[in-house]
């Protein structure tokens, strides 16, 4: 499986794997302990995010890949990764799949790179004082 890079690449399988990882580790705690309570809270947050992400994925599959849908998918996925990241390097943690994403798609990444390059060129040229206008 290729490394997850963009929000447009997130799939239901990615989502299911992330929830399985959180579930496996949060429910492994000794019942009725502080860690178990924290684990349950973390699982609840992950489940809530999963419901929202699944809705975005359904919209995306139906052809609604508008800016708002994809922006929310990116943000919610990254929030879910905060719930998964504590188990990096442990059972069910998929290094290629469980990562935050910065861009909605390849075109967005390319545009950002171009815009940043242009801004740097402008800033480099702006460091010289303007000619004397007297």
N, C-alpha and C. Protein backbone atom coordinates (compact mmCIF):
# COMPACT_ATOMS: atom_id res chain seq x y z
N UNK A 1 0.84 -1.18 0.00
CA UNK A 1 0.00 0.00 0.00
C UNK A 1 0.88 1.24 0.00
N UNK A 2 0.60 2.21 -0.89
CA UNK A 2 1.41 3.43 -0.92
C UNK A 2 1.15 4.29 0.33
N UNK A 3 2.10 5.14 0.64
CA UNK A 3 1.99 6.03 1.79
C UNK A 3 0.85 7.03 1.56
N UNK A 4 0.03 7.21 2.57
CA UNK A 4 -1.06 8.19 2.50
C UNK A 4 -0.45 9.59 2.48
N UNK A 5 -0.80 10.37 1.46
CA UNK A 5 -0.23 11.71 1.32
C UNK A 5 -1.27 12.82 1.33
N UNK A 6 -2.42 12.57 0.72
CA UNK A 6 -3.40 13.63 0.51
C UNK A 6 -4.76 13.24 1.06
N UNK A 7 -5.57 14.23 1.40
CA UNK A 7 -6.92 13.96 1.90
C UNK A 7 -7.74 13.18 0.89
N UNK A 8 -7.54 13.44 -0.39
CA UNK A 8 -8.32 12.74 -1.41
C UNK A 8 -8.01 11.24 -1.46
N UNK A 9 -6.90 10.83 -0.85
CA UNK A 9 -6.51 9.41 -0.84
C UNK A 9 -7.07 8.63 0.33
N UNK A 10 -7.67 9.29 1.30
CA UNK A 10 -8.20 8.61 2.49
C UNK A 10 -9.37 7.72 2.07
N UNK A 11 -9.38 6.49 2.58
CA UNK A 11 -10.43 5.54 2.23
C UNK A 11 -11.14 5.03 3.48
N UNK A 12 -12.24 4.34 3.27
CA UNK A 12 -12.94 3.70 4.39
C UNK A 12 -12.05 2.66 5.05
N UNK A 13 -11.21 1.98 4.26
CA UNK A 13 -10.29 0.99 4.83
C UNK A 13 -9.29 1.67 5.78
N UNK A 14 -8.82 2.86 5.42
CA UNK A 14 -7.92 3.62 6.30
C UNK A 14 -8.64 3.95 7.60
N UNK A 15 -9.87 4.41 7.47
CA UNK A 15 -10.67 4.78 8.63
C UNK A 15 -10.91 3.57 9.53
N UNK A 16 -11.32 2.45 8.93
CA UNK A 16 -11.58 1.24 9.70
C UNK A 16 -10.33 0.77 10.44
N UNK A 17 -9.19 0.85 9.78
CA UNK A 17 -7.93 0.43 10.40
C UNK A 17 -7.56 1.33 11.57
N UNK A 18 -7.79 2.63 11.43
CA UNK A 18 -7.47 3.57 12.50
C UNK A 18 -8.36 3.30 13.72
N UNK A 19 -9.64 3.09 13.49
CA UNK A 19 -10.56 2.81 14.60
C UNK A 19 -10.21 1.48 15.26
N UNK A 20 -9.83 0.49 14.47
CA UNK A 20 -9.44 -0.81 15.03
C UNK A 20 -8.21 -0.67 15.92
N UNK A 21 -7.26 0.16 15.51
CA UNK A 21 -6.05 0.38 16.30
C UNK A 21 -6.40 1.05 17.63
N UNK A 22 -7.19 2.10 17.58
CA UNK A 22 -7.58 2.79 18.81
C UNK A 22 -8.37 1.85 19.71
N UNK A 23 -9.30 1.13 19.14
CA UNK A 23 -10.13 0.22 19.91
C UNK A 23 -9.29 -0.85 20.60
N UNK A 24 -8.38 -1.44 19.86
CA UNK A 24 -7.53 -2.51 20.40
C UNK A 24 -6.74 -2.04 21.61
N UNK A 25 -6.19 -0.85 21.52
CA UNK A 25 -5.32 -0.37 22.59
C UNK A 25 -6.07 0.28 23.75
N UNK A 26 -7.17 0.96 23.47
CA UNK A 26 -7.89 1.61 24.56
C UNK A 26 -8.64 0.60 25.42
N UNK A 27 -9.14 -0.46 24.82
CA UNK A 27 -9.88 -1.45 25.60
C UNK A 27 -8.98 -2.52 26.21
N UNK A 28 -7.67 -2.40 26.02
CA UNK A 28 -6.73 -3.35 26.61
C UNK A 28 -6.40 -2.98 28.06
N UNK A 29 -6.86 -1.83 28.50
CA UNK A 29 -6.57 -1.37 29.85
C UNK A 29 -7.40 -2.13 30.89
N UNK A 30 -6.89 -2.20 32.09
CA UNK A 30 -7.59 -2.84 33.21
C UNK A 30 -8.89 -2.08 33.48
N UNK A 31 -10.05 -2.77 33.47
CA UNK A 31 -11.33 -2.08 33.68
C UNK A 31 -11.37 -1.31 35.00
N UNK A 32 -12.15 -0.24 35.00
CA UNK A 32 -12.40 0.61 36.16
C UNK A 32 -11.14 1.25 36.74
N UNK A 33 -10.19 1.53 35.87
CA UNK A 33 -8.99 2.25 36.30
C UNK A 33 -8.98 3.60 35.61
N UNK A 34 -8.12 4.47 36.09
CA UNK A 34 -7.98 5.79 35.47
C UNK A 34 -7.60 5.65 33.99
N UNK A 35 -6.66 4.74 33.69
CA UNK A 35 -6.25 4.53 32.30
C UNK A 35 -7.40 4.00 31.44
N UNK A 36 -8.22 3.13 32.00
CA UNK A 36 -9.37 2.62 31.26
C UNK A 36 -10.36 3.73 30.96
N UNK A 37 -10.57 4.61 31.94
CA UNK A 37 -11.48 5.75 31.72
C UNK A 37 -10.95 6.69 30.64
N UNK A 38 -9.66 6.97 30.70
CA UNK A 38 -9.05 7.81 29.67
C UNK A 38 -9.14 7.13 28.30
N UNK A 39 -8.87 5.83 28.29
CA UNK A 39 -8.97 5.08 27.04
C UNK A 39 -10.36 5.13 26.45
N UNK A 40 -11.37 4.98 27.30
CA UNK A 40 -12.75 5.04 26.81
C UNK A 40 -13.05 6.42 26.24
N UNK A 41 -12.57 7.45 26.90
CA UNK A 41 -12.77 8.82 26.39
C UNK A 41 -12.11 9.01 25.03
N UNK A 42 -10.90 8.52 24.91
CA UNK A 42 -10.18 8.62 23.64
C UNK A 42 -10.91 7.85 22.54
N UNK A 43 -11.39 6.67 22.88
CA UNK A 43 -12.14 5.88 21.90
C UNK A 43 -13.42 6.60 21.48
N UNK A 44 -14.09 7.25 22.44
CA UNK A 44 -15.31 7.99 22.12
C UNK A 44 -15.03 9.14 21.16
N UNK A 45 -13.95 9.85 21.40
CA UNK A 45 -13.55 10.93 20.48
C UNK A 45 -13.26 10.36 19.10
N UNK A 46 -12.51 9.27 19.04
CA UNK A 46 -12.17 8.64 17.76
C UNK A 46 -13.44 8.19 17.02
N UNK A 47 -14.38 7.62 17.74
CA UNK A 47 -15.64 7.18 17.12
C UNK A 47 -16.42 8.36 16.56
N UNK A 48 -16.46 9.45 17.30
CA UNK A 48 -17.16 10.64 16.83
C UNK A 48 -16.53 11.18 15.55
N UNK A 49 -15.21 11.23 15.54
CA UNK A 49 -14.50 11.66 14.34
C UNK A 49 -14.76 10.70 13.19
N UNK A 50 -14.79 9.41 13.48
CA UNK A 50 -15.02 8.40 12.43
C UNK A 50 -16.37 8.59 11.75
N UNK A 51 -17.39 8.92 12.53
CA UNK A 51 -18.72 9.16 11.95
C UNK A 51 -18.67 10.33 10.98
N UNK A 52 -18.01 11.40 11.39
CA UNK A 52 -17.90 12.58 10.52
C UNK A 52 -17.06 12.27 9.28
N UNK A 53 -15.95 11.57 9.47
CA UNK A 53 -15.08 11.23 8.33
C UNK A 53 -15.83 10.33 7.35
N UNK A 54 -16.57 9.37 7.88
CA UNK A 54 -17.33 8.46 7.00
C UNK A 54 -18.33 9.25 6.15
N UNK A 55 -18.95 10.26 6.74
CA UNK A 55 -19.88 11.12 5.98
C UNK A 55 -19.13 11.84 4.86
N UNK A 56 -17.95 12.38 5.18
CA UNK A 56 -17.14 13.07 4.14
C UNK A 56 -16.74 12.09 3.04
N UNK A 57 -16.38 10.87 3.41
CA UNK A 57 -15.98 9.88 2.41
C UNK A 57 -17.16 9.50 1.51
N UNK A 58 -18.35 9.44 2.10
CA UNK A 58 -19.55 9.16 1.29
C UNK A 58 -19.83 10.30 0.33
N UNK A 59 -19.68 11.53 0.80
CA UNK A 59 -19.85 12.69 -0.08
C UNK A 59 -18.82 12.68 -1.20
N UNK A 60 -17.58 12.38 -0.84
CA UNK A 60 -16.50 12.32 -1.83
C UNK A 60 -16.81 11.26 -2.88
N UNK A 61 -17.27 10.09 -2.45
CA UNK A 61 -17.60 8.99 -3.37
C UNK A 61 -18.76 9.37 -4.30
N UNK A 62 -19.64 10.22 -3.80
CA UNK A 62 -20.78 10.67 -4.62
C UNK A 62 -20.41 11.83 -5.54
N UNK A 63 -19.14 12.21 -5.54
CA UNK A 63 -18.69 13.26 -6.45
C UNK A 63 -18.63 14.64 -5.83
N UNK A 64 -18.91 14.76 -4.55
CA UNK A 64 -18.88 16.06 -3.88
C UNK A 64 -17.49 16.28 -3.29
N UNK A 65 -16.56 16.65 -4.16
CA UNK A 65 -15.19 16.90 -3.70
C UNK A 65 -14.92 18.39 -3.66
N UNK A 66 -15.92 19.14 -3.18
CA UNK A 66 -15.78 20.58 -3.09
C UNK A 66 -14.79 20.94 -1.99
N UNK A 67 -14.41 22.19 -1.96
CA UNK A 67 -13.39 22.67 -1.03
C UNK A 67 -13.78 22.41 0.43
N UNK A 68 -15.01 22.71 0.79
CA UNK A 68 -15.43 22.54 2.19
C UNK A 68 -15.40 21.07 2.62
N UNK A 69 -15.91 20.19 1.78
CA UNK A 69 -15.91 18.75 2.12
C UNK A 69 -14.49 18.25 2.30
N UNK A 70 -13.61 18.60 1.39
CA UNK A 70 -12.24 18.10 1.45
C UNK A 70 -11.45 18.75 2.59
N UNK A 71 -11.73 20.02 2.87
CA UNK A 71 -11.06 20.69 4.00
C UNK A 71 -11.47 20.03 5.31
N UNK A 72 -12.73 19.73 5.45
CA UNK A 72 -13.20 19.07 6.68
C UNK A 72 -12.66 17.64 6.78
N UNK A 73 -12.58 16.94 5.66
CA UNK A 73 -12.01 15.59 5.67
C UNK A 73 -10.56 15.64 6.14
N UNK A 74 -9.80 16.58 5.61
CA UNK A 74 -8.40 16.73 6.00
C UNK A 74 -8.29 17.04 7.50
N UNK A 75 -9.06 17.98 7.98
CA UNK A 75 -8.99 18.38 9.39
C UNK A 75 -9.43 17.25 10.32
N UNK A 76 -10.50 16.59 9.99
CA UNK A 76 -11.01 15.51 10.85
C UNK A 76 -10.08 14.30 10.83
N UNK A 77 -9.51 13.99 9.68
CA UNK A 77 -8.53 12.90 9.62
C UNK A 77 -7.33 13.23 10.52
N UNK A 78 -6.83 14.44 10.42
CA UNK A 78 -5.68 14.83 11.24
C UNK A 78 -6.02 14.78 12.73
N UNK A 79 -7.24 15.15 13.08
CA UNK A 79 -7.68 15.02 14.48
C UNK A 79 -7.70 13.55 14.89
N UNK A 80 -8.19 12.69 14.02
CA UNK A 80 -8.21 11.25 14.32
C UNK A 80 -6.80 10.72 14.50
N UNK A 81 -5.86 11.23 13.73
CA UNK A 81 -4.48 10.77 13.86
C UNK A 81 -3.91 11.11 15.24
N UNK A 82 -4.43 12.16 15.87
CA UNK A 82 -4.02 12.47 17.25
C UNK A 82 -4.47 11.38 18.21
N UNK A 83 -5.57 10.72 17.90
CA UNK A 83 -6.06 9.62 18.73
C UNK A 83 -5.28 8.33 18.47
N UNK A 84 -4.73 8.17 17.29
CA UNK A 84 -4.02 6.95 16.90
C UNK A 84 -2.53 7.02 17.23
N UNK A 85 -1.95 8.19 17.12
CA UNK A 85 -0.50 8.37 17.24
C UNK A 85 0.12 7.83 18.53
N UNK A 86 -0.57 7.86 19.66
CA UNK A 86 0.07 7.33 20.88
C UNK A 86 0.53 5.87 20.77
N UNK A 87 -0.01 5.15 19.82
CA UNK A 87 0.36 3.73 19.67
C UNK A 87 1.31 3.50 18.50
N UNK A 88 1.99 4.53 18.09
CA UNK A 88 2.99 4.39 17.02
C UNK A 88 4.01 3.34 17.44
N UNK A 89 4.28 2.42 16.53
CA UNK A 89 5.24 1.37 16.78
C UNK A 89 4.67 0.15 17.49
N UNK A 90 3.37 0.19 17.78
CA UNK A 90 2.76 -0.94 18.47
C UNK A 90 1.83 -1.70 17.52
N UNK A 91 1.29 -2.79 18.01
CA UNK A 91 0.40 -3.65 17.22
C UNK A 91 -0.72 -2.85 16.56
N UNK A 92 -0.96 -3.14 15.31
CA UNK A 92 -2.00 -2.53 14.46
C UNK A 92 -1.68 -1.12 13.99
N UNK A 93 -0.57 -0.55 14.42
CA UNK A 93 -0.23 0.80 13.96
C UNK A 93 0.44 0.68 12.59
N UNK A 94 -0.14 1.31 11.59
CA UNK A 94 0.34 1.25 10.21
C UNK A 94 1.06 2.56 9.87
N UNK A 95 2.37 2.51 9.82
CA UNK A 95 3.20 3.71 9.57
C UNK A 95 2.87 4.39 8.24
N UNK A 96 2.51 3.61 7.24
CA UNK A 96 2.23 4.17 5.91
C UNK A 96 0.86 4.82 5.85
N UNK A 97 -0.04 4.36 6.67
CA UNK A 97 -1.43 4.79 6.62
C UNK A 97 -1.75 5.85 7.66
N UNK A 98 -1.23 5.70 8.85
CA UNK A 98 -1.61 6.59 9.95
C UNK A 98 -0.66 7.77 10.03
N UNK A 99 -0.98 8.77 9.24
CA UNK A 99 -0.17 9.98 9.19
C UNK A 99 -1.08 11.16 8.90
N UNK A 100 -0.68 12.31 9.38
CA UNK A 100 -1.44 13.51 9.06
C UNK A 100 -1.17 13.88 7.61
N UNK A 101 -2.10 14.59 7.03
CA UNK A 101 -1.95 15.05 5.65
C UNK A 101 -2.03 16.57 5.64
N UNK A 102 -1.24 17.18 4.77
CA UNK A 102 -1.19 18.64 4.71
C UNK A 102 -2.05 19.23 3.60
N UNK A 103 -2.30 18.44 2.58
CA UNK A 103 -2.98 18.98 1.40
C UNK A 103 -4.15 18.10 1.00
N UNK A 104 -5.11 18.72 0.33
CA UNK A 104 -6.28 17.98 -0.11
C UNK A 104 -5.94 17.02 -1.26
N UNK A 105 -5.04 17.47 -2.14
CA UNK A 105 -4.69 16.66 -3.29
C UNK A 105 -3.32 17.11 -3.83
N UNK A 106 -2.87 16.44 -4.87
CA UNK A 106 -1.56 16.75 -5.45
C UNK A 106 -1.52 18.16 -6.03
N UNK A 107 -2.62 18.59 -6.63
CA UNK A 107 -2.65 19.94 -7.21
C UNK A 107 -2.52 21.00 -6.12
N UNK A 108 -3.16 20.77 -4.98
CA UNK A 108 -3.05 21.70 -3.86
C UNK A 108 -1.63 21.79 -3.33
N UNK A 109 -0.96 20.65 -3.28
CA UNK A 109 0.44 20.63 -2.82
C UNK A 109 1.32 21.37 -3.81
N UNK A 110 1.09 21.14 -5.10
CA UNK A 110 1.89 21.81 -6.14
C UNK A 110 1.66 23.32 -6.10
N UNK A 111 0.40 23.73 -5.94
CA UNK A 111 0.11 25.16 -5.87
C UNK A 111 0.80 25.80 -4.68
N UNK A 112 0.75 25.13 -3.53
CA UNK A 112 1.39 25.69 -2.33
C UNK A 112 2.90 25.82 -2.54
N UNK A 113 3.50 24.82 -3.16
CA UNK A 113 4.94 24.86 -3.43
C UNK A 113 5.27 26.04 -4.35
N UNK A 114 4.47 26.21 -5.40
CA UNK A 114 4.66 27.31 -6.35
C UNK A 114 4.49 28.66 -5.64
N UNK A 115 3.41 28.80 -4.88
CA UNK A 115 3.13 30.07 -4.20
C UNK A 115 4.23 30.40 -3.20
N UNK A 116 4.70 29.40 -2.48
CA UNK A 116 5.76 29.61 -1.52
C UNK A 116 7.06 30.03 -2.23
N UNK A 117 7.34 29.39 -3.34
CA UNK A 117 8.53 29.74 -4.12
C UNK A 117 8.44 31.18 -4.61
N UNK A 118 7.29 31.58 -5.11
CA UNK A 118 7.10 32.95 -5.59
C UNK A 118 7.22 33.96 -4.44
N UNK A 119 6.66 33.62 -3.29
CA UNK A 119 6.74 34.51 -2.13
C UNK A 119 8.19 34.67 -1.67
N UNK A 120 8.94 33.58 -1.71
CA UNK A 120 10.36 33.66 -1.32
C UNK A 120 11.15 34.53 -2.29
N UNK A 121 10.86 34.41 -3.58
CA UNK A 121 11.53 35.24 -4.58
C UNK A 121 11.19 36.71 -4.35
N UNK A 122 9.93 36.98 -4.07
CA UNK A 122 9.51 38.34 -3.82
C UNK A 122 10.22 38.89 -2.57
N UNK A 123 10.23 38.09 -1.51
CA UNK A 123 10.86 38.52 -0.26
C UNK A 123 12.35 38.76 -0.45
N UNK A 124 13.00 37.92 -1.25
CA UNK A 124 14.44 38.10 -1.50
C UNK A 124 14.69 39.41 -2.25
N UNK A 125 13.81 39.75 -3.16
CA UNK A 125 13.95 41.00 -3.91
C UNK A 125 13.57 42.21 -3.07
N UNK A 126 12.72 42.02 -2.09
CA UNK A 126 12.25 43.11 -1.26
C UNK A 126 13.25 43.48 -0.17
N UNK A 127 14.31 42.69 -0.02
CA UNK A 127 15.27 42.99 1.03
C UNK A 127 16.19 44.13 0.64
N UNK A 128 16.26 44.45 -0.64
CA UNK A 128 17.08 45.59 -1.05
C UNK A 128 16.24 46.85 -0.93
N UNK A 129 16.83 47.93 -0.43
CA UNK A 129 16.05 49.16 -0.25
C UNK A 129 15.57 49.70 -1.60
N UNK A 130 14.42 50.35 -1.61
CA UNK A 130 13.93 50.93 -2.87
C UNK A 130 14.85 52.06 -3.30
N UNK A 131 14.90 52.34 -4.60
CA UNK A 131 15.76 53.44 -5.07
C UNK A 131 15.31 54.78 -4.48
N UNK A 132 16.26 55.65 -4.31
CA UNK A 132 15.99 56.97 -3.76
C UNK A 132 15.09 57.72 -4.72
N UNK A 133 13.99 58.26 -4.25
CA UNK A 133 13.00 58.92 -5.10
C UNK A 133 13.09 60.44 -5.01
N UNK A 134 14.20 60.99 -4.55
CA UNK A 134 14.26 62.44 -4.40
C UNK A 134 14.48 63.16 -5.68
